[in-house]
Amino acid sequence: MKMKPIFLTLVLTLALLSCSKKEETKGSAELVGVWKLTEVLSDPGDGSGTFHGVNSQKVIEFHADGTVTSNGDLCVLSIAADASSSGTYSLADYSIHSPGCALSMPVVFQKEGTTLTIYYPCIEGCAARFTKK
């Protein structure tokens, strides 16, 4: 009699775990690829900042193995494409971790359709938008 509730709990737990893995795999597949920097946001501290277009060659590439590379700095808001950097990404908390980041703080991101927004650790609001190539 006691085996039935334990068995049911085990089956439900496995079902939930398998669903979340499928969602993570789907999210990873949509993220994998090359993303080009198109806009940046710098806020002067009063909340009035807006995204504005930039002319930059900076790209970020997400790989299926959980790594991320860029021809620019992954840790700070910059349009420069003059330094290679790399790290790992997590879809569990939508973050990028790079050993090159001085503050050892993760950079967080959000993907909406073909737009990827990366939020950098800044005192004032700062972010960058990328479009999938």
C-alpha atoms as a PDB file:
ATOM      1  CA  MET A   1       0.000   0.000   0.000  1.00  0.00           C
ATOM      2  CA  LYS A   2       2.844   2.437   0.781  1.00  0.00           C
ATOM      3  CA  MET A   3       4.632   1.625  -2.475  1.00  0.00           C
ATOM      4  CA  LYS A   4       1.915   3.207  -4.592  1.00  0.00           C
ATOM      5  CA  PRO A   5       2.408   6.814  -3.296  1.00  0.00           C
ATOM      6  CA  ILE A   6       6.193   6.479  -3.498  1.00  0.00           C
ATOM      7  CA  PHE A   7       6.009   5.128  -7.031  1.00  0.00           C
ATOM      8  CA  LEU A   8       3.598   7.896  -8.069  1.00  0.00           C
ATOM      9  CA  THR A   9       5.868  10.564  -6.567  1.00  0.00           C
ATOM     10  CA  LEU A  10       8.874   9.110  -8.374  1.00  0.00           C
ATOM     11  CA  VAL A  11       7.057   9.035 -11.729  1.00  0.00           C
ATOM     12  CA  LEU A  12       5.851  12.640 -11.351  1.00  0.00           C
ATOM     13  CA  THR A  13       9.321  13.835 -10.357  1.00  0.00           C
ATOM     14  CA  LEU A  14      10.900  12.174 -13.380  1.00  0.00           C
ATOM     15  CA  ALA A  15       8.240  13.643 -15.655  1.00  0.00           C
ATOM     16  CA  LEU A  16       8.897  17.156 -14.351  1.00  0.00           C
ATOM     17  CA  LEU A  17      12.650  16.776 -14.709  1.00  0.00           C
ATOM     18  CA  SER A  18      12.355  15.547 -18.269  1.00  0.00           C
ATOM     19  CA  CYS A  19      10.117  18.485 -19.227  1.00  0.00           C
ATOM     20  CA  SER A  20      12.532  21.092 -17.876  1.00  0.00           C
ATOM     21  CA  LYS A  21      15.420  19.471 -19.744  1.00  0.00           C
ATOM     22  CA  LYS A  22      13.459  19.667 -23.018  1.00  0.00           C
ATOM     23  CA  GLU A  23      12.764  23.361 -22.443  1.00  0.00           C
ATOM     24  CA  GLU A  24      16.447  24.005 -21.669  1.00  0.00           C
ATOM     25  CA  THR A  25      17.512  22.122 -24.795  1.00  0.00           C
ATOM     26  CA  LYS A  26      14.999  24.074 -26.899  1.00  0.00           C
ATOM     27  CA  GLY A  27      16.176  27.377 -25.395  1.00  0.00           C
ATOM     28  CA  SER A  28      19.792  26.446 -26.007  1.00  0.00           C
ATOM     29  CA  ALA A  29      19.088  25.583 -29.651  1.00  0.00           C
ATOM     30  CA  GLU A  30      17.463  28.982 -30.196  1.00  0.00           C
ATOM     31  CA  LEU A  31      20.381  30.763 -28.505  1.00  0.00           C
ATOM     32  CA  VAL A  32      23.192  28.925 -30.307  1.00  0.00           C
ATOM     33  CA  GLY A  33      24.686  30.993 -33.103  1.00  0.00           C
ATOM     34  CA  VAL A  34      26.266  34.355 -33.833  1.00  0.00           C
ATOM     35  CA  TRP A  35      24.725  37.564 -32.477  1.00  0.00           C
ATOM     36  CA  LYS A  36      25.800  41.042 -33.731  1.00  0.00           C
ATOM     37  CA  LEU A  37      25.742  44.142 -31.529  1.00  0.00           C
ATOM     38  CA  THR A  38      23.135  46.626 -32.811  1.00  0.00           C
ATOM     39  CA  GLU A  39      22.135  48.883 -29.872  1.00  0.00           C
ATOM     40  CA  VAL A  40      23.406  50.038 -26.475  1.00  0.00           C
ATOM     41  CA  LEU A  41      21.781  51.607 -23.437  1.00  0.00           C
ATOM     42  CA  SER A  42      23.604  53.947 -21.100  1.00  0.00           C
ATOM     43  CA  ASP A  43      21.595  55.629 -18.387  1.00  0.00           C
ATOM     44  CA  PRO A  44      22.869  58.868 -16.794  1.00  0.00           C
ATOM     45  CA  GLY A  45      21.382  57.788 -13.466  1.00  0.00           C
ATOM     46  CA  ASP A  46      17.936  59.314 -13.683  1.00  0.00           C
ATOM     47  CA  GLY A  47      16.186  56.531 -15.600  1.00  0.00           C
ATOM     48  CA  SER A  48      16.044  58.539 -18.834  1.00  0.00           C
ATOM     49  CA  GLY A  49      18.421  56.318 -20.812  1.00  0.00           C
ATOM     50  CA  THR A  50      17.212  54.726 -24.033  1.00  0.00           C
ATOM     51  CA  PHE A  51      18.666  52.236 -26.478  1.00  0.00           C
ATOM     52  CA  HIS A  52      20.363  53.791 -29.488  1.00  0.00           C
ATOM     53  CA  GLY A  53      21.819  52.177 -32.597  1.00  0.00           C
ATOM     54  CA  VAL A  54      25.562  51.646 -32.927  1.00  0.00           C
ATOM     55  CA  ASN A  55      27.918  50.822 -35.770  1.00  0.00           C
ATOM     56  CA  SER A  56      30.020  47.982 -34.386  1.00  0.00           C
ATOM     57  CA  GLN A  57      31.650  44.766 -35.545  1.00  0.00           C
ATOM     58  CA  LYS A  58      31.265  43.181 -32.095  1.00  0.00           C
ATOM     59  CA  VAL A  59      29.678  39.726 -32.112  1.00  0.00           C
ATOM     60  CA  ILE A  60      28.933  37.108 -29.475  1.00  0.00           C
ATOM     61  CA  GLU A  61      28.683  33.439 -30.361  1.00  0.00           C
ATOM     62  CA  PHE A  62      26.837  30.929 -28.197  1.00  0.00           C
ATOM     63  CA  HIS A  63      27.942  27.324 -28.720  1.00  0.00           C
ATOM     64  CA  ALA A  64      25.892  24.164 -28.103  1.00  0.00           C
ATOM     65  CA  ASP A  65      28.430  22.922 -25.526  1.00  0.00           C
ATOM     66  CA  GLY A  66      27.563  25.773 -23.123  1.00  0.00           C
ATOM     67  CA  THR A  67      30.472  28.039 -24.037  1.00  0.00           C
ATOM     68  CA  VAL A  68      30.317  31.579 -25.372  1.00  0.00           C
ATOM     69  CA  THR A  69      32.959  33.557 -27.292  1.00  0.00           C
ATOM     70  CA  SER A  70      33.225  37.134 -28.476  1.00  0.00           C
ATOM     71  CA  ASN A  71      35.537  39.372 -30.448  1.00  0.00           C
ATOM     72  CA  GLY A  72      34.947  41.986 -27.722  1.00  0.00           C
ATOM     73  CA  ASP A  73      34.781  42.124 -23.949  1.00  0.00           C
ATOM     74  CA  LEU A  74      32.042  39.895 -22.462  1.00  0.00           C
ATOM     75  CA  CYS A  75      32.233  41.614 -19.067  1.00  0.00           C
ATOM     76  CA  VAL A  76      31.577  45.302 -19.742  1.00  0.00           C
ATOM     77  CA  LEU A  77      29.456  47.432 -22.036  1.00  0.00           C
ATOM     78  CA  SER A  78      31.656  48.259 -25.008  1.00  0.00           C
ATOM     79  CA  ILE A  79      31.161  48.454 -28.777  1.00  0.00           C
ATOM     80  CA  ALA A  80      34.823  47.643 -29.435  1.00  0.00           C
ATOM     81  CA  ALA A  81      35.618  44.444 -31.326  1.00  0.00           C
ATOM     82  CA  ASP A  82      39.308  44.431 -30.497  1.00  0.00           C
ATOM     83  CA  ALA A  83      39.768  41.753 -27.819  1.00  0.00           C
ATOM     84  CA  SER A  84      38.771  38.109 -27.721  1.00  0.00           C
ATOM     85  CA  SER A  85      37.002  36.817 -24.640  1.00  0.00           C
ATOM     86  CA  SER A  86      35.221  33.635 -23.684  1.00  0.00           C
ATOM     87  CA  GLY A  87      33.239  31.992 -20.943  1.00  0.00           C
ATOM     88  CA  THR A  88      30.246  29.799 -20.253  1.00  0.00           C
ATOM     89  CA  TYR A  89      26.519  30.444 -20.228  1.00  0.00           C
ATOM     90  CA  SER A  90      23.662  29.028 -18.216  1.00  0.00           C
ATOM     91  CA  LEU A  91      20.003  28.847 -19.168  1.00  0.00           C
ATOM     92  CA  ALA A  92      19.120  28.024 -15.566  1.00  0.00           C
ATOM     93  CA  ASP A  93      19.652  31.662 -14.578  1.00  0.00           C
ATOM     94  CA  TYR A  94      20.317  33.235 -18.016  1.00  0.00           C
ATOM     95  CA  SER A  95      23.841  34.271 -17.146  1.00  0.00           C
ATOM     96  CA  ILE A  96      27.288  34.462 -18.716  1.00  0.00           C
ATOM     97  CA  HIS A  97      30.364  33.728 -16.613  1.00  0.00           C
ATOM     98  CA  SER A  98      33.829  34.684 -17.830  1.00  0.00           C
ATOM     99  CA  PRO A  99      37.102  34.278 -15.953  1.00  0.00           C
ATOM    100  CA  GLY A 100      38.145  37.630 -17.436  1.00  0.00           C
ATOM    101  CA  CYS A 101      35.523  39.601 -15.511  1.00  0.00           C
ATOM    102  CA  ALA A 102      37.194  41.710 -12.827  1.00  0.00           C
ATOM    103  CA  LEU A 103      34.251  41.664 -10.426  1.00  0.00           C
ATOM    104  CA  SER A 104      33.588  37.920 -10.901  1.00  0.00           C
ATOM    105  CA  MET A 105      29.947  38.849 -11.330  1.00  0.00           C
ATOM    106  CA  PRO A 106      27.819  37.116 -13.931  1.00  0.00           C
ATOM    107  CA  VAL A 107      26.421  39.066 -16.846  1.00  0.00           C
ATOM    108  CA  VAL A 108      22.727  38.319 -17.324  1.00  0.00           C
ATOM    109  CA  PHE A 109      20.825  38.116 -20.585  1.00  0.00           C
ATOM    110  CA  GLN A 110      17.302  37.905 -21.950  1.00  0.00           C
ATOM    111  CA  LYS A 111      16.251  36.598 -25.357  1.00  0.00           C
ATOM    112  CA  GLU A 112      13.077  37.767 -27.077  1.00  0.00           C
ATOM    113  CA  GLY A 113      12.607  36.484 -30.608  1.00  0.00           C
ATOM    114  CA  THR A 114      15.655  37.455 -32.652  1.00  0.00           C
ATOM    115  CA  THR A 115      16.847  40.014 -30.081  1.00  0.00           C
ATOM    116  CA  LEU A 116      19.267  39.234 -27.280  1.00  0.00           C
ATOM    117  CA  THR A 117      19.697  41.826 -24.515  1.00  0.00           C
ATOM    118  CA  ILE A 118      22.699  41.597 -22.214  1.00  0.00           C
ATOM    119  CA  TYR A 119      22.641  43.479 -18.900  1.00  0.00           C
ATOM    120  CA  TYR A 120      26.053  44.361 -17.518  1.00  0.00           C
ATOM    121  CA  PRO A 121      26.859  45.018 -13.847  1.00  0.00           C
ATOM    122  CA  CYS A 122      26.839  48.837 -13.770  1.00  0.00           C
ATOM    123  CA  ILE A 123      26.074  51.439 -11.136  1.00  0.00           C
ATOM    124  CA  GLU A 124      23.724  53.081 -13.610  1.00  0.00           C
ATOM    125  CA  GLY A 125      21.665  51.058 -16.074  1.00  0.00           C
ATOM    126  CA  CYS A 126      23.610  49.726 -19.034  1.00  0.00           C
ATOM    127  CA  ALA A 127      22.803  47.037 -21.567  1.00  0.00           C
ATOM    128  CA  ALA A 128      23.487  45.932 -25.125  1.00  0.00           C
ATOM    129  CA  ARG A 129      21.160  44.467 -27.727  1.00  0.00           C
ATOM    130  CA  PHE A 130      22.279  41.930 -30.284  1.00  0.00           C
ATOM    131  CA  THR A 131      20.500  40.577 -33.342  1.00  0.00           C
ATOM    132  CA  LYS A 132      20.997  37.014 -34.541  1.00  0.00           C
ATOM    133  CA  LYS A 133      22.942  36.774 -37.791  1.00  0.00           C
END
